[in-house]
PDB file of N, CA and C in Angstrom:
ATOM      1  N   MET A   1      29.011  19.190 -85.615  1.00  0.00           N
ATOM      2  CA  MET A   1      28.203  19.303 -86.661  1.00  0.00           C
ATOM      3  C   MET A   1      28.955  18.552 -87.812  1.00  0.00           C
ATOM      4  N   ALA A   2      28.037  18.078 -88.791  1.00  0.00           N
ATOM      5  CA  ALA A   2      28.554  17.628 -89.991  1.00  0.00           C
ATOM      6  C   ALA A   2      28.787  18.822 -90.920  1.00  0.00           C
ATOM      7  N   ARG A   3      29.517  18.517 -92.017  1.00  0.00           N
ATOM      8  CA  ARG A   3      29.607  19.709 -93.063  1.00  0.00           C
ATOM      9  C   ARG A   3      28.251  19.997 -93.522  1.00  0.00           C
ATOM     10  N   TRP A   4      27.352  19.246 -93.836  1.00  0.00           N
ATOM     11  CA  TRP A   4      26.260  19.520 -94.440  1.00  0.00           C
ATOM     12  C   TRP A   4      25.377  20.510 -93.527  1.00  0.00           C
ATOM     13  N   GLU A   5      25.513  20.313 -92.191  1.00  0.00           N
ATOM     14  CA  GLU A   5      24.598  21.211 -91.361  1.00  0.00           C
ATOM     15  C   GLU A   5      25.234  22.596 -91.187  1.00  0.00           C
ATOM     16  N   TRP A   6      26.585  22.582 -91.172  1.00  0.00           N
ATOM     17  CA  TRP A   6      27.123  23.911 -91.312  1.00  0.00           C
ATOM     18  C   TRP A   6      26.790  24.835 -92.656  1.00  0.00           C
ATOM     19  N   SER A   7      26.765  24.022 -93.750  1.00  0.00           N
ATOM     20  CA  SER A   7      26.435  24.838 -95.160  1.00  0.00           C
ATOM     21  C   SER A   7      25.102  25.272 -95.030  1.00  0.00           C
ATOM     22  N   VAL A   8      24.129  24.536 -94.335  1.00  0.00           N
ATOM     23  CA  VAL A   8      22.785  25.019 -94.356  1.00  0.00           C
ATOM     24  C   VAL A   8      22.674  25.948 -93.459  1.00  0.00           C
ATOM     25  N   VAL A   9      23.383  26.360 -92.235  1.00  0.00           N
ATOM     26  CA  VAL A   9      23.711  27.292 -91.322  1.00  0.00           C
ATOM     27  C   VAL A   9      23.922  28.672 -92.273  1.00  0.00           C
ATOM     28  N   LEU A  10      25.103  28.524 -92.964  1.00  0.00           N
ATOM     29  CA  LEU A  10      25.676  29.447 -93.813  1.00  0.00           C
ATOM     30  C   LEU A  10      24.867  30.075 -94.844  1.00  0.00           C
ATOM     31  N   ALA A  11      23.964  29.168 -95.351  1.00  0.00           N
ATOM     32  CA  ALA A  11      23.124  29.376 -96.360  1.00  0.00           C
ATOM     33  C   ALA A  11      21.923  30.232 -96.035  1.00  0.00           C
ATOM     34  N   ILE A  12      21.591  30.154 -94.588  1.00  0.00           N
ATOM     35  CA  ILE A  12      20.618  30.916 -94.108  1.00  0.00           C
ATOM     36  C   ILE A  12      21.017  32.297 -93.682  1.00  0.00           C
ATOM     37  N   VAL A  13      22.165  32.277 -93.309  1.00  0.00           N
ATOM     38  CA  VAL A  13      22.879  33.651 -92.923  1.00  0.00           C
ATOM     39  C   VAL A  13      22.981  34.368 -94.661  1.00  0.00           C
ATOM     40  N   ALA A  14      23.342  33.696 -95.531  1.00  0.00           N
ATOM     41  CA  ALA A  14      23.507  34.288 -96.797  1.00  0.00           C
ATOM     42  C   ALA A  14      21.909  34.871 -97.442  1.00  0.00           C
ATOM     43  N   THR A  15      20.786  33.863 -97.144  1.00  0.00           N
ATOM     44  CA  THR A  15      19.753  34.529 -97.364  1.00  0.00           C
ATOM     45  C   THR A  15      19.111  35.727 -96.474  1.00  0.00           C
ATOM     46  N   LEU A  16      19.804  35.762 -95.259  1.00  0.00           N
ATOM     47  CA  LEU A  16      19.568  37.127 -94.813  1.00  0.00           C
ATOM     48  C   LEU A  16      20.120  38.180 -95.212  1.00  0.00           C
ATOM     49  N   VAL A  17      21.352  37.969 -95.872  1.00  0.00           N
ATOM     50  CA  VAL A  17      22.068  39.091 -96.257  1.00  0.00           C
ATOM     51  C   VAL A  17      21.540  39.566 -97.611  1.00  0.00           C
ATOM     52  N   ALA A  18      20.946  38.580 -98.393  1.00  0.00           N
ATOM     53  CA  ALA A  18      20.130  38.997 -99.449  1.00  0.00           C
ATOM     54  C   ALA A  18      19.004  39.765 -99.179  1.00  0.00           C
ATOM     55  N   VAL A  19      18.183  39.333 -97.973  1.00  0.00           N
ATOM     56  CA  VAL A  19      16.990  40.171 -97.885  1.00  0.00           C
ATOM     57  C   VAL A  19      17.319  41.483 -97.051  1.00  0.00           C
ATOM     58  N   GLY A  20      18.452  41.558 -96.603  1.00  0.00           N
ATOM     59  CA  GLY A  20      19.002  42.899 -96.239  1.00  0.00           C
ATOM     60  C   GLY A  20      19.425  43.864 -97.325  1.00  0.00           C
ATOM     61  N   GLY A  21      20.008  43.268 -98.267  1.00  0.00           N
ATOM     62  CA  GLY A  21      20.202  43.849 -99.718  1.00  0.00           C
ATOM     63  C   GLY A  21      19.236  44.420-100.226  1.00  0.00           C
ATOM     64  N   ILE A  22      17.780  43.572-100.149  1.00  0.00           N
ATOM     65  CA  ILE A  22      16.780  44.194-100.703  1.00  0.00           C
ATOM     66  C   ILE A  22      16.286  45.365 -99.907  1.00  0.00           C
ATOM     67  N   ALA A  23      16.208  45.166 -98.510  1.00  0.00           N
ATOM     68  CA  ALA A  23      15.861  46.327 -97.801  1.00  0.00           C
ATOM     69  C   ALA A  23      16.798  47.600 -97.942  1.00  0.00           C
ATOM     70  N   VAL A  24      18.079  47.587 -98.118  1.00  0.00           N
ATOM     71  CA  VAL A  24      18.957  48.566 -98.387  1.00  0.00           C
ATOM     72  C   VAL A  24      18.870  49.372 -99.766  1.00  0.00           C
ATOM     73  N   THR A  25      18.553  48.326-100.842  1.00  0.00           N
ATOM     74  CA  THR A  25      18.052  48.965-102.226  1.00  0.00           C
ATOM     75  C   THR A  25      16.774  49.793-102.187  1.00  0.00           C
ATOM     76  N   VAL A  26      15.720  49.241-101.435  1.00  0.00           N
ATOM     77  CA  VAL A  26      14.548  49.884-101.493  1.00  0.00           C
ATOM     78  C   VAL A  26      14.701  51.457-100.575  1.00  0.00           C
ATOM     79  N   ARG A  27      15.496  51.237 -99.440  1.00  0.00           N
ATOM     80  CA  ARG A  27      15.828  52.596 -98.935  1.00  0.00           C
ATOM     81  C   ARG A  27      16.567  53.402 -99.848  1.00  0.00           C
ATOM     82  N   GLY A  28      17.539  53.065-100.636  1.00  0.00           N
ATOM     83  CA  GLY A  28      18.282  54.106-101.391  1.00  0.00           C
ATOM     84  C   GLY A  28      17.290  54.365-102.616  1.00  0.00           C
ATOM     85  N   LEU A  29      16.436  53.693-103.047  1.00  0.00           N
ATOM     86  CA  LEU A  29      15.350  54.377-104.340  1.00  0.00           C
ATOM     87  C   LEU A  29      14.560  55.310-103.567  1.00  0.00           C
ATOM     88  N   LEU A  30      14.056  55.030-102.186  1.00  0.00           N
ATOM     89  CA  LEU A  30      13.378  56.000-101.606  1.00  0.00           C
ATOM     90  C   LEU A  30      14.150  57.421-101.238  1.00  0.00           C
ATOM     91  N   VAL A  31      15.288  57.341-101.050  1.00  0.00           N
ATOM     92  CA  VAL A  31      15.749  58.579-100.631  1.00  0.00           C
ATOM     93  C   VAL A  31      16.813  59.093-101.904  1.00  0.00           C
ATOM     94  N   ASP A  32      16.631  58.263-102.943  1.00  0.00           N
ATOM     95  CA  ASP A  32      17.175  58.865-104.210  1.00  0.00           C
ATOM     96  C   ASP A  32      18.825  59.004-104.110  1.00  0.00           C
ATOM     97  N   GLN A  33      19.500  57.789-103.405  1.00  0.00           N
ATOM     98  CA  GLN A  33      20.946  57.874-103.447  1.00  0.00           C
ATOM     99  C   GLN A  33      21.319  56.683-103.942  1.00  0.00           C
ATOM    100  N   SER A  34      22.030  56.948-105.181  1.00  0.00           N
ATOM    101  CA  SER A  34      22.458  55.714-106.111  1.00  0.00           C
ATOM    102  C   SER A  34      23.551  54.755-105.511  1.00  0.00           C
ATOM    103  N   ASP A  35      24.452  55.392-104.664  1.00  0.00           N
ATOM    104  CA  ASP A  35      25.388  54.601-104.186  1.00  0.00           C
ATOM    105  C   ASP A  35      24.675  53.565-103.114  1.00  0.00           C
ATOM    106  N   ILE A  36      23.835  53.942-102.377  1.00  0.00           N
ATOM    107  CA  ILE A  36      23.199  52.880-101.688  1.00  0.00           C
ATOM    108  C   ILE A  36      22.552  51.955-102.460  1.00  0.00           C
ATOM    109  N   VAL A  37      21.923  52.139-103.496  1.00  0.00           N
ATOM    110  CA  VAL A  37      21.263  51.151-104.415  1.00  0.00           C
ATOM    111  C   VAL A  37      22.157  50.054-104.857  1.00  0.00           C
ATOM    112  N   LEU A  38      23.520  50.639-105.408  1.00  0.00           N
ATOM    113  CA  LEU A  38      24.535  49.789-105.808  1.00  0.00           C
ATOM    114  C   LEU A  38      24.858  48.811-104.714  1.00  0.00           C
ATOM    115  N   TYR A  39      24.972  49.190-103.359  1.00  0.00           N
ATOM    116  CA  TYR A  39      25.495  48.372-102.490  1.00  0.00           C
ATOM    117  C   TYR A  39      24.453  47.294-101.935  1.00  0.00           C
ATOM    118  N   GLY A  40      23.128  47.773-102.083  1.00  0.00           N
ATOM    119  CA  GLY A  40      22.089  47.011-101.888  1.00  0.00           C
ATOM    120  C   GLY A  40      21.904  45.914-103.016  1.00  0.00           C
ATOM    121  N   LEU A  41      22.143  46.096-104.180  1.00  0.00           N
ATOM    122  CA  LEU A  41      22.070  45.268-105.288  1.00  0.00           C
ATOM    123  C   LEU A  41      23.415  44.356-105.365  1.00  0.00           C
ATOM    124  N   ALA A  42      24.542  44.926-104.584  1.00  0.00           N
ATOM    125  CA  ALA A  42      25.642  43.868-104.601  1.00  0.00           C
ATOM    126  C   ALA A  42      25.217  42.977-103.196  1.00  0.00           C
ATOM    127  N   GLY A  43      24.487  43.585-102.349  1.00  0.00           N
ATOM    128  CA  GLY A  43      24.321  42.266-101.197  1.00  0.00           C
ATOM    129  C   GLY A  43      23.282  41.253-101.624  1.00  0.00           C
ATOM    130  N   ILE A  44      22.319  41.773-102.679  1.00  0.00           N
ATOM    131  CA  ILE A  44      21.492  40.795-103.207  1.00  0.00           C
ATOM    132  C   ILE A  44      22.175  39.760-104.109  1.00  0.00           C
ATOM    133  N   VAL A  45      22.989  40.164-104.923  1.00  0.00           N
ATOM    134  CA  VAL A  45      23.637  39.313-105.822  1.00  0.00           C
ATOM    135  C   VAL A  45      24.841  38.347-104.845  1.00  0.00           C
ATOM    136  N   VAL A  46      25.490  38.804-103.904  1.00  0.00           N
ATOM    137  CA  VAL A  46      26.243  37.931-103.050  1.00  0.00           C
ATOM    138  C   VAL A  46      25.464  37.044-102.177  1.00  0.00           C
ATOM    139  N   GLY A  47      24.217  37.502-101.774  1.00  0.00           N
ATOM    140  CA  GLY A  47      23.531  36.548-100.962  1.00  0.00           C
ATOM    141  C   GLY A  47      23.023  35.522-101.675  1.00  0.00           C
ATOM    142  N   ILE A  48      22.355  35.698-102.892  1.00  0.00           N
ATOM    143  CA  ILE A  48      21.840  34.596-103.760  1.00  0.00           C
ATOM    144  C   ILE A  48      22.997  33.749-104.118  1.00  0.00           C
ATOM    145  N   PHE A  49      24.185  34.314-104.734  1.00  0.00           N
ATOM    146  CA  PHE A  49      25.154  33.406-105.147  1.00  0.00           C
ATOM    147  C   PHE A  49      25.505  32.652-104.038  1.00  0.00           C
ATOM    148  N   SER A  50      25.672  32.821-102.908  1.00  0.00           N
ATOM    149  CA  SER A  50      26.427  32.354-101.640  1.00  0.00           C
ATOM    150  C   SER A  50      25.384  31.262-101.483  1.00  0.00           C
ATOM    151  N   CYS A  51      24.240  31.618-101.408  1.00  0.00           N
ATOM    152  CA  CYS A  51      23.095  30.565-100.839  1.00  0.00           C
ATOM    153  C   CYS A  51      23.239  29.367-101.943  1.00  0.00           C
ATOM    154  N   ALA A  52      23.030  29.591-103.142  1.00  0.00           N
ATOM    155  CA  ALA A  52      23.032  28.541-104.189  1.00  0.00           C
ATOM    156  C   ALA A  52      24.518  27.783-104.123  1.00  0.00           C
ATOM    157  N   LEU A  53      25.465  28.347-103.715  1.00  0.00           N
ATOM    158  CA  LEU A  53      26.617  27.555-103.680  1.00  0.00           C
ATOM    159  C   LEU A  53      27.024  26.641-102.691  1.00  0.00           C
ATOM    160  N   LEU A  54      26.316  27.409-101.562  1.00  0.00           N
ATOM    161  CA  LEU A  54      26.394  26.457-100.057  1.00  0.00           C
ATOM    162  C   LEU A  54      25.263  25.327-100.323  1.00  0.00           C
ATOM    163  N   LEU A  55      24.452  25.540-100.855  1.00  0.00           N
ATOM    164  CA  LEU A  55      23.483  24.273-101.017  1.00  0.00           C
ATOM    165  C   LEU A  55      23.336  23.142-102.258  1.00  0.00           C
ATOM    166  N   ASN A  56      24.482  23.582-102.727  1.00  0.00           N
ATOM    167  CA  ASN A  56      24.774  22.619-104.155  1.00  0.00           C
ATOM    168  C   ASN A  56      25.263  21.382-103.526  1.00  0.00           C
ATOM    169  N   VAL A  57      24.730  20.370-103.671  1.00  0.00           N
ATOM    170  CA  VAL A  57      25.348  18.868-103.180  1.00  0.00           C
ATOM    171  C   VAL A  57      26.374  18.495-103.756  1.00  0.00           C
ATOM    172  N   SER A  58      27.444  18.037-103.171  1.00  0.00           N
ATOM    173  CA  SER A  58      28.669  17.391-103.814  1.00  0.00           C
ATOM    174  C   SER A  58      28.544  15.857-103.569  1.00  0.00           C
ATOM    175  N   PRO A  59      29.509  15.168-104.117  1.00  0.00           N
ATOM    176  CA  PRO A  59      29.588  13.567-103.920  1.00  0.00           C
ATOM    177  C   PRO A  59      30.029  13.461-102.459  1.00  0.00           C
ATOM    178  N   ARG A  60      30.730  14.383-101.801  1.00  0.00           N
ATOM    179  CA  ARG A  60      30.983  14.050-100.474  1.00  0.00           C
ATOM    180  C   ARG A  60      29.960  14.000 -99.371  1.00  0.00           C
ATOM    181  N   ASP A  61      28.863  14.595 -99.815  1.00  0.00           N
ATOM    182  CA  ASP A  61      27.536  14.793 -99.158  1.00  0.00           C
ATOM    183  C   ASP A  61      26.701  13.602 -98.982  1.00  0.00           C
ATOM    184  N   MET A  62      26.954  12.868-100.110  1.00  0.00           N
ATOM    185  CA  MET A  62      26.118  11.427-100.287  1.00  0.00           C
ATOM    186  C   MET A  62      26.420  10.707 -99.226  1.00  0.00           C
ATOM    187  N   PRO A  63      25.408   9.687 -98.796  1.00  0.00           N
ATOM    188  CA  PRO A  63      26.002   8.579 -97.869  1.00  0.00           C
ATOM    189  C   PRO A  63      26.471   7.588 -98.349  1.00  0.00           C
TER     190      PRO A  63
END
């Protein structure tokens, strides 16, 4: 697989991490546990940042 294909696969994983962070945050809000909410928010931030970083096109990716 080329570099671009691996970065797309990792971006999909990062998106799933962000969605999991949303689920953890909602669960923390429902059971009123602030620690869980913070971990969920951290998962959301890391997932979105990683997805944006991995899908950023670099000059090496151009044909």
